[in-house]
Amino acid sequence: MKVRNSLKSAKNRHRDCRVIRRKGRVYVINKTNRRFKARQG
Protein backbone atom coordinates (compact mmCIF):
# COMPACT_ATOMS: atom_id res chain seq x y z
CA MET A 1 0.00 0.00 0.00
CA LYS A 2 1.35 3.39 -0.99
CA VAL A 3 1.01 6.45 1.25
CA ARG A 4 0.41 9.53 -0.89
CA ASN A 5 -0.34 13.22 -0.57
CA SER A 6 -2.83 13.18 -3.42
CA LEU A 7 -5.08 10.22 -4.09
CA LYS A 8 -6.43 11.57 -7.35
CA SER A 9 -3.53 10.13 -9.34
CA ALA A 10 -3.89 6.79 -7.54
CA LYS A 11 -7.59 6.68 -8.37
CA ASN A 12 -6.93 7.25 -12.06
CA ARG A 13 -4.63 4.26 -12.41
CA HIS A 14 -7.51 1.81 -12.88
CA ARG A 15 -11.18 2.29 -13.63
CA ASP A 16 -12.38 0.18 -10.66
CA CYS A 17 -10.60 2.25 -8.00
CA ARG A 18 -12.77 3.75 -5.30
CA VAL A 19 -11.98 6.45 -2.74
CA ILE A 20 -13.23 5.47 0.73
CA ARG A 21 -12.96 7.16 4.14
CA ARG A 22 -12.30 4.95 7.16
CA LYS A 23 -11.38 6.12 10.67
CA GLY A 24 -10.23 9.55 9.53
CA ARG A 25 -8.06 8.16 6.76
CA VAL A 26 -8.72 8.23 3.05
CA TYR A 27 -8.09 5.04 1.09
CA VAL A 28 -8.10 4.02 -2.54
CA ILE A 29 -9.17 0.39 -2.86
CA ASN A 30 -9.85 -1.81 -5.83
CA LYS A 31 -11.89 -5.00 -5.59
CA THR A 32 -10.89 -6.48 -8.95
CA ASN A 33 -7.18 -5.64 -8.99
CA ARG A 34 -5.96 -5.51 -5.39
CA ARG A 35 -2.55 -4.18 -6.39
CA PHE A 36 -3.89 -0.62 -6.61
CA LYS A 37 -4.12 0.42 -2.98
CA ALA A 38 -3.18 3.77 -1.45
CA ARG A 39 -3.70 5.67 1.77
CA GLN A 40 -3.71 9.30 2.82
CA GLY A 41 -3.60 10.73 6.35
PDB file of N, CA and C in Angstrom:
ATOM      1  N   MET A   1       0.844  -1.186   0.000  1.00  0.00           N
ATOM      2  CA  MET A   1       0.000   0.000   0.000  1.00  0.00           C
ATOM      3  C   MET A   1       0.882   1.239   0.000  1.00  0.00           C
ATOM      4  N   LYS A   2       0.587   2.155  -0.895  1.00  0.00           N
ATOM      5  CA  LYS A   2       1.351   3.387  -0.987  1.00  0.00           C
ATOM      6  C   LYS A   2       0.693   4.463  -0.119  1.00  0.00           C
ATOM      7  N   VAL A   3       1.506   5.296   0.513  1.00  0.00           N
ATOM      8  CA  VAL A   3       1.007   6.451   1.248  1.00  0.00           C
ATOM      9  C   VAL A   3       1.304   7.678   0.401  1.00  0.00           C
ATOM     10  N   ARG A   4       0.271   8.427   0.058  1.00  0.00           N
ATOM     11  CA  ARG A   4       0.410   9.531  -0.887  1.00  0.00           C
ATOM     12  C   ARG A   4      -0.192  10.800  -0.341  1.00  0.00           C
ATOM     13  N   ASN A   5       0.280  11.939  -0.899  1.00  0.00           N
ATOM     14  CA  ASN A   5      -0.344  13.223  -0.565  1.00  0.00           C
ATOM     15  C   ASN A   5      -1.639  13.411  -1.327  1.00  0.00           C
ATOM     16  N   SER A   6      -1.642  13.003  -2.585  1.00  0.00           N
ATOM     17  CA  SER A   6      -2.828  13.182  -3.423  1.00  0.00           C
ATOM     18  C   SER A   6      -3.287  11.824  -3.920  1.00  0.00           C
ATOM     19  N   LEU A   7      -4.550  11.517  -3.673  1.00  0.00           N
ATOM     20  CA  LEU A   7      -5.077  10.221  -4.091  1.00  0.00           C
ATOM     21  C   LEU A   7      -5.716  10.274  -5.469  1.00  0.00           C
ATOM     22  N   LYS A   8      -5.771  11.466  -6.050  1.00  0.00           N
ATOM     23  CA  LYS A   8      -6.426  11.574  -7.351  1.00  0.00           C
ATOM     24  C   LYS A   8      -5.665  10.802  -8.419  1.00  0.00           C
ATOM     25  N   SER A   9      -4.332  10.864  -8.362  1.00  0.00           N
ATOM     26  CA  SER A   9      -3.532  10.127  -9.340  1.00  0.00           C
ATOM     27  C   SER A   9      -3.629   8.629  -9.101  1.00  0.00           C
ATOM     28  N   ALA A  10      -3.759   8.222  -7.836  1.00  0.00           N
ATOM     29  CA  ALA A  10      -3.893   6.791  -7.544  1.00  0.00           C
ATOM     30  C   ALA A  10      -5.236   6.266  -8.014  1.00  0.00           C
ATOM     31  N   LYS A  11      -6.256   7.111  -7.937  1.00  0.00           N
ATOM     32  CA  LYS A  11      -7.588   6.678  -8.366  1.00  0.00           C
ATOM     33  C   LYS A  11      -7.653   6.509  -9.881  1.00  0.00           C
ATOM     34  N   ASN A  12      -6.866   7.302 -10.599  1.00  0.00           N
ATOM     35  CA  ASN A  12      -6.933   7.255 -12.056  1.00  0.00           C
ATOM     36  C   ASN A  12      -6.115   6.126 -12.665  1.00  0.00           C
ATOM     37  N   ARG A  13      -5.449   5.332 -11.858  1.00  0.00           N
ATOM     38  CA  ARG A  13      -4.629   4.263 -12.415  1.00  0.00           C
ATOM     39  C   ARG A  13      -5.471   3.128 -12.996  1.00  0.00           C
ATOM     40  N   HIS A  14      -6.663   2.922 -12.440  1.00  0.00           N
ATOM     41  CA  HIS A  14      -7.514   1.811 -12.875  1.00  0.00           C
ATOM     42  C   HIS A  14      -8.953   2.271 -12.762  1.00  0.00           C
ATOM     43  N   ARG A  15      -9.820   1.758 -13.629  1.00  0.00           N
ATOM     44  CA  ARG A  15     -11.182   2.292 -13.631  1.00  0.00           C
ATOM     45  C   ARG A  15     -12.032   1.773 -12.484  1.00  0.00           C
ATOM     46  N   ASP A  16     -11.604   0.716 -11.777  1.00  0.00           N
ATOM     47  CA  ASP A  16     -12.385   0.182 -10.660  1.00  0.00           C
ATOM     48  C   ASP A  16     -11.971   0.748  -9.305  1.00  0.00           C
ATOM     49  N   CYS A  17     -11.065   1.701  -9.275  1.00  0.00           N
ATOM     50  CA  CYS A  17     -10.596   2.248  -8.002  1.00  0.00           C
ATOM     51  C   CYS A  17     -11.677   3.106  -7.360  1.00  0.00           C
ATOM     52  N   ARG A  18     -11.793   2.975  -6.035  1.00  0.00           N
ATOM     53  CA  ARG A  18     -12.767   3.753  -5.295  1.00  0.00           C
ATOM     54  C   ARG A  18     -12.064   4.468  -4.149  1.00  0.00           C
ATOM     55  N   VAL A  19     -12.506   5.696  -3.870  1.00  0.00           N
ATOM     56  CA  VAL A  19     -11.978   6.454  -2.738  1.00  0.00           C
ATOM     57  C   VAL A  19     -12.935   6.281  -1.569  1.00  0.00           C
ATOM     58  N   ILE A  20     -12.396   5.820  -0.426  1.00  0.00           N
ATOM     59  CA  ILE A  20     -13.227   5.466   0.730  1.00  0.00           C
ATOM     60  C   ILE A  20     -12.597   6.064   1.984  1.00  0.00           C
ATOM     61  N   ARG A  21     -13.433   6.605   2.877  1.00  0.00           N
ATOM     62  CA  ARG A  21     -12.957   7.159   4.139  1.00  0.00           C
ATOM     63  C   ARG A  21     -13.217   6.167   5.260  1.00  0.00           C
ATOM     64  N   ARG A  22     -12.159   5.833   6.000  1.00  0.00           N
ATOM     65  CA  ARG A  22     -12.300   4.950   7.156  1.00  0.00           C
ATOM     66  C   ARG A  22     -11.454   5.501   8.292  1.00  0.00           C
ATOM     67  N   LYS A  23     -12.077   5.730   9.441  1.00  0.00           N
ATOM     68  CA  LYS A  23     -11.383   6.121  10.670  1.00  0.00           C
ATOM     69  C   LYS A  23     -10.492   7.335  10.455  1.00  0.00           C
ATOM     70  N   GLY A  24     -10.993   8.337   9.746  1.00  0.00           N
ATOM     71  CA  GLY A  24     -10.232   9.553   9.529  1.00  0.00           C
ATOM     72  C   GLY A  24      -9.165   9.459   8.481  1.00  0.00           C
ATOM     73  N   ARG A  25      -9.028   8.320   7.819  1.00  0.00           N
ATOM     74  CA  ARG A  25      -8.057   8.162   6.758  1.00  0.00           C
ATOM     75  C   ARG A  25      -8.784   7.964   5.446  1.00  0.00           C
ATOM     76  N   VAL A  26      -8.127   8.350   4.377  1.00  0.00           N
ATOM     77  CA  VAL A  26      -8.720   8.228   3.048  1.00  0.00           C
ATOM     78  C   VAL A  26      -7.957   7.136   2.313  1.00  0.00           C
ATOM     79  N   TYR A  27      -8.700   6.180   1.766  1.00  0.00           N
ATOM     80  CA  TYR A  27      -8.093   5.042   1.094  1.00  0.00           C
ATOM     81  C   TYR A  27      -8.553   4.973  -0.347  1.00  0.00           C
ATOM     82  N   VAL A  28      -7.699   4.435  -1.199  1.00  0.00           N
ATOM     83  CA  VAL A  28      -8.102   4.018  -2.540  1.00  0.00           C
ATOM     84  C   VAL A  28      -8.021   2.506  -2.540  1.00  0.00           C
ATOM     85  N   ILE A  29      -9.164   1.848  -2.801  1.00  0.00           N
ATOM     86  CA  ILE A  29      -9.166   0.390  -2.861  1.00  0.00           C
ATOM     87  C   ILE A  29      -9.736  -0.046  -4.196  1.00  0.00           C
ATOM     88  N   ASN A  30      -9.422  -1.267  -4.556  1.00  0.00           N
ATOM     89  CA  ASN A  30      -9.846  -1.815  -5.833  1.00  0.00           C
ATOM     90  C   ASN A  30     -10.189  -3.282  -5.615  1.00  0.00           C
ATOM     91  N   LYS A  31     -11.453  -3.629  -5.852  1.00  0.00           N
ATOM     92  CA  LYS A  31     -11.887  -5.001  -5.589  1.00  0.00           C
ATOM     93  C   LYS A  31     -11.360  -5.974  -6.643  1.00  0.00           C
ATOM     94  N   THR A  32     -11.271  -5.541  -7.897  1.00  0.00           N
ATOM     95  CA  THR A  32     -10.894  -6.484  -8.946  1.00  0.00           C
ATOM     96  C   THR A  32      -9.386  -6.659  -9.055  1.00  0.00           C
ATOM     97  N   ASN A  33      -8.636  -5.558  -8.895  1.00  0.00           N
ATOM     98  CA  ASN A  33      -7.176  -5.644  -8.989  1.00  0.00           C
ATOM     99  C   ASN A  33      -6.609  -5.084  -7.694  1.00  0.00           C
ATOM    100  N   ARG A  34      -6.309  -5.941  -6.739  1.00  0.00           N
ATOM    101  CA  ARG A  34      -5.958  -5.509  -5.389  1.00  0.00           C
ATOM    102  C   ARG A  34      -4.577  -4.888  -5.284  1.00  0.00           C
ATOM    103  N   ARG A  35      -3.863  -4.815  -6.398  1.00  0.00           N
ATOM    104  CA  ARG A  35      -2.549  -4.179  -6.387  1.00  0.00           C
ATOM    105  C   ARG A  35      -2.650  -2.676  -6.186  1.00  0.00           C
ATOM    106  N   PHE A  36      -3.747  -2.069  -6.641  1.00  0.00           N
ATOM    107  CA  PHE A  36      -3.893  -0.618  -6.614  1.00  0.00           C
ATOM    108  C   PHE A  36      -4.502  -0.186  -5.278  1.00  0.00           C
ATOM    109  N   LYS A  37      -3.638  -0.031  -4.265  1.00  0.00           N
ATOM    110  CA  LYS A  37      -4.121   0.423  -2.982  1.00  0.00           C
ATOM    111  C   LYS A  37      -3.276   1.616  -2.555  1.00  0.00           C
ATOM    112  N   ALA A  38      -3.913   2.602  -1.935  1.00  0.00           N
ATOM    113  CA  ALA A  38      -3.185   3.774  -1.455  1.00  0.00           C
ATOM    114  C   ALA A  38      -3.908   4.332  -0.238  1.00  0.00           C
ATOM    115  N   ARG A  39      -3.154   5.111   0.545  1.00  0.00           N
ATOM    116  CA  ARG A  39      -3.699   5.670   1.772  1.00  0.00           C
ATOM    117  C   ARG A  39      -3.236   7.104   1.894  1.00  0.00           C
ATOM    118  N   GLN A  40      -4.079   7.926   2.518  1.00  0.00           N
ATOM    119  CA  GLN A  40      -3.707   9.302   2.820  1.00  0.00           C
ATOM    120  C   GLN A  40      -4.137   9.629   4.239  1.00  0.00           C
ATOM    121  N   GLY A  41      -3.253  10.326   4.991  1.00  0.00           N
ATOM    122  CA  GLY A  41      -3.601  10.733   6.352  1.00  0.00           C
ATOM    123  C   GLY A  41      -3.231   9.737   7.415  1.00  0.00           C
TER     124      GLY A  41
END
